[in-house]
Amino acid sequence: MTWNFETKPIKRALGWAVAMIVMALLRNAGFIERDTADTLLLIMPIMAVMSFGSTGCSACRPAAGER
């Protein structure tokens, strides 16, 4: 039996979305300072986009020329 630990992009996106929603809820509840939460909510989407670019899409590889 082989294990496939590769996550699909939708699962990674949902994980980032849940993290951002929890961050916003914690900010509104007062557990995290406003400035800290605002900075994290600005940086988290950037980190999410960067994490998706690292794996690449298998459908895009032929168009890129398979270097």
Foldseek 3Di string as FASTA:
>chain_A
DDDDPDDDLVVLVVVLVVVLVVLVVCCVVPVDPPVVSVVCNVCSVVVSVVVVVVPDDPVCCVVVPVD
